[in-house]
Amino acid sequence: MSDTFCAEGGCLCGEVRYRMTSKPLFVHCCHCTRCQRGTGSAFVLNAMIEADRVELLQGGTEIVPVAGPSGAPQNIFRCPTCEVAVWSTYAAAGDKLNFVRVGTLDEAGSVPPDIHIFTSTKLPWVQLPDDVPVMEEYYSAKKYWPQESLERFAALKAGA
């Protein structure tokens, strides 16, 4: 992905449209059982990006709070009509960091996962690629994130 990266997406019914104005910090493919249940699928693919780099182009979202494993809320931003989750925020990361659902992007294939996490609970028939890091649980961002992403995240936290 280049520095001129820009991606648009939206919900299933088309009421919500948004734009990511830069490449994500990092893209997680999470195989935990909570993500499986929350998406009704084998995993969730989240592009982590600064909230101010996600522009709402059309419509509005409805926030649905869901308690995470720690009890702290995950706020899921959904289309109020078709109820598709377009992004979420997590208490640990704060509201300045969005986890955009890659499947809602118009060209979802252009944003592949940088890492597979919580694979200890992945479904047995899911085959993982050899060229992407695989973690049984979570991981160290300092070890896996590109330097540019670490710097962007540090700037985000400093501005909090």
Protein backbone atom coordinates (compact mmCIF):
# COMPACT_ATOMS: atom_id res chain seq x y z
CA MET A 1 0.00 0.00 0.00
CA SER A 2 1.37 3.39 -0.93
CA ASP A 3 1.34 6.72 0.90
CA THR A 4 -1.51 7.79 -1.40
CA PHE A 5 -3.67 4.92 -0.17
CA CYS A 6 -7.37 5.69 -0.02
CA ALA A 7 -10.17 3.17 0.35
CA GLU A 8 -13.94 3.55 0.48
CA GLY A 9 -16.53 1.23 1.86
CA GLY A 10 -19.98 0.95 3.30
CA CYS A 11 -22.70 -1.21 4.72
CA LEU A 12 -24.81 -3.78 2.90
CA CYS A 13 -27.80 -1.52 2.17
CA GLY A 14 -25.66 1.45 1.09
CA GLU A 15 -26.95 3.89 3.70
CA VAL A 16 -23.51 4.23 5.33
CA ARG A 17 -20.48 5.15 3.22
CA TYR A 18 -17.02 5.96 4.55
CA ARG A 19 -13.45 6.57 3.40
CA MET A 20 -10.13 5.57 4.95
CA THR A 21 -7.76 8.41 4.04
CA SER A 22 -4.53 6.51 4.69
CA LYS A 23 -3.30 2.97 4.92
CA PRO A 24 -4.14 1.21 8.17
CA LEU A 25 -1.66 0.93 10.99
CA PHE A 26 -1.98 -2.85 10.94
CA VAL A 27 -4.55 -5.45 9.91
CA HIS A 28 -5.61 -8.24 12.28
CA CYS A 29 -7.31 -11.44 11.28
CA CYS A 30 -8.72 -12.54 14.62
CA HIS A 31 -9.80 -16.15 15.10
CA CYS A 32 -10.98 -15.89 18.73
CA THR A 33 -14.30 -17.44 19.61
CA ARG A 34 -15.79 -14.03 20.52
CA CYS A 35 -15.05 -12.71 17.02
CA GLN A 36 -16.43 -15.88 15.49
CA ARG A 37 -19.66 -15.48 17.43
CA GLY A 38 -19.82 -11.70 16.89
CA THR A 39 -19.48 -11.99 13.12
CA GLY A 40 -21.18 -15.32 12.57
CA SER A 41 -18.09 -16.31 10.61
CA ALA A 42 -14.72 -18.02 11.04
CA PHE A 43 -12.88 -14.80 11.93
CA VAL A 44 -12.99 -11.02 11.76
CA LEU A 45 -10.62 -8.93 9.66
CA ASN A 46 -10.00 -5.51 11.24
CA ALA A 47 -7.93 -2.67 9.78
CA MET A 48 -6.66 -0.58 12.68
CA ILE A 49 -6.58 3.11 11.76
CA GLU A 50 -6.74 6.47 13.47
CA ALA A 51 -10.38 7.57 13.86
CA ASP A 52 -9.63 10.96 12.27
CA ARG A 53 -8.51 9.11 9.13
CA VAL A 54 -11.96 7.57 8.68
CA GLU A 55 -14.37 10.01 7.05
CA LEU A 56 -18.09 9.35 7.14
CA LEU A 57 -19.27 10.20 3.61
CA GLN A 58 -22.94 9.31 3.90
CA GLY A 59 -25.42 8.29 6.55
CA GLY A 60 -24.71 7.81 10.20
CA THR A 61 -23.83 4.96 12.49
CA GLU A 62 -25.47 3.58 15.57
CA ILE A 63 -23.19 2.60 18.46
CA VAL A 64 -23.89 -0.77 20.00
CA PRO A 65 -21.83 -1.38 23.17
CA VAL A 66 -20.82 -4.98 23.81
CA ALA A 67 -18.86 -6.11 26.87
CA GLY A 68 -15.48 -7.53 25.98
CA PRO A 69 -13.72 -10.39 27.80
CA SER A 70 -12.41 -7.96 30.44
CA GLY A 71 -15.85 -6.44 30.93
CA ALA A 72 -14.75 -3.19 29.26
CA PRO A 73 -16.97 -2.18 26.35
CA GLN A 74 -16.31 -2.64 22.68
CA ASN A 75 -18.39 -0.09 20.79
CA ILE A 76 -19.59 -1.47 17.48
CA PHE A 77 -20.58 1.17 14.92
CA ARG A 78 -23.42 -0.26 12.83
CA CYS A 79 -25.66 0.95 10.05
CA PRO A 80 -28.98 1.77 11.72
CA THR A 81 -30.90 0.20 8.81
CA CYS A 82 -29.13 -3.04 7.83
CA GLU A 83 -27.18 -3.29 11.12
CA VAL A 84 -23.89 -4.22 9.43
CA ALA A 85 -20.87 -3.47 11.63
CA VAL A 86 -18.59 -1.06 9.76
CA TRP A 87 -16.03 -0.45 12.53
CA SER A 88 -15.57 -0.63 16.25
CA THR A 89 -13.54 0.87 19.08
CA TYR A 90 -12.17 -0.91 22.12
CA ALA A 91 -11.72 0.51 25.62
CA ALA A 92 -8.05 -0.50 25.70
CA ALA A 93 -7.30 1.39 22.48
CA GLY A 94 -9.62 4.33 23.09
CA ASP A 95 -12.02 6.12 20.79
CA LYS A 96 -9.24 7.60 18.66
CA LEU A 97 -8.52 4.25 17.04
CA ASN A 98 -11.03 2.53 14.74
CA PHE A 99 -11.04 -1.13 13.85
CA VAL A 100 -12.57 -1.00 10.36
CA ARG A 101 -14.21 -4.21 9.17
CA VAL A 102 -12.23 -4.98 6.02
CA GLY A 103 -15.17 -6.85 4.50
CA THR A 104 -17.09 -3.57 4.27
CA LEU A 105 -14.47 -2.03 1.96
CA ASP A 106 -15.37 -1.80 -1.72
CA GLU A 107 -12.06 -3.49 -2.54
CA ALA A 108 -11.55 -5.66 0.52
CA GLY A 109 -8.95 -7.74 -1.28
CA SER A 110 -6.60 -4.75 -1.32
CA VAL A 111 -6.25 -4.86 2.49
CA PRO A 112 -4.89 -8.31 3.40
CA PRO A 113 -4.14 -9.36 6.99
CA ASP A 114 -0.73 -8.51 8.43
CA ILE A 115 -1.12 -11.13 11.17
CA HIS A 116 -3.44 -13.93 12.29
CA ILE A 117 -4.20 -13.82 16.03
CA PHE A 118 -5.86 -16.12 18.56
CA THR A 119 -5.36 -19.05 16.22
CA SER A 120 -5.51 -21.45 19.17
CA THR A 121 -9.29 -21.27 18.64
CA LYS A 122 -9.41 -21.01 14.85
CA LEU A 123 -11.78 -23.37 13.13
CA PRO A 124 -9.93 -26.53 12.09
CA TRP A 125 -10.76 -26.25 8.38
CA VAL A 126 -9.31 -22.70 8.06
CA GLN A 127 -5.98 -22.86 6.25
CA LEU A 128 -3.51 -20.06 7.03
CA PRO A 129 -0.91 -18.75 4.58
CA ASP A 130 2.79 -19.40 5.18
CA ASP A 131 3.83 -15.79 4.51
CA VAL A 132 1.79 -14.07 7.26
CA PRO A 133 2.69 -14.30 10.98
CA VAL A 134 0.45 -16.61 13.00
CA MET A 135 -0.01 -16.18 16.76
CA GLU A 136 -1.77 -18.66 19.01
CA GLU A 137 -2.89 -15.74 21.18
CA TYR A 138 -1.89 -12.04 20.94
CA TYR A 139 1.49 -10.53 20.02
CA SER A 140 3.92 -7.66 20.60
CA ALA A 141 3.25 -4.67 18.31
CA LYS A 142 6.88 -3.59 18.75
CA LYS A 143 7.95 -6.87 17.17
CA TYR A 144 5.49 -7.03 14.26
CA TRP A 145 4.30 -3.53 13.35
CA PRO A 146 6.21 -1.48 10.77
CA GLN A 147 8.17 1.44 12.27
CA GLU A 148 5.87 3.97 10.57
CA SER A 149 2.83 2.41 12.25
CA LEU A 150 4.53 2.42 15.65
CA GLU A 151 5.30 6.13 15.20
CA ARG A 152 1.73 6.92 14.15
CA PHE A 153 0.35 5.00 17.13
CA ALA A 154 2.76 6.78 19.53
CA ALA A 155 1.60 10.15 18.12
CA LEU A 156 -2.01 9.10 18.56
CA LYS A 157 -1.44 8.14 22.20
CA ALA A 158 0.54 11.34 22.88
CA GLY A 159 -2.39 13.39 21.60
CA ALA A 160 -4.85 11.58 23.85
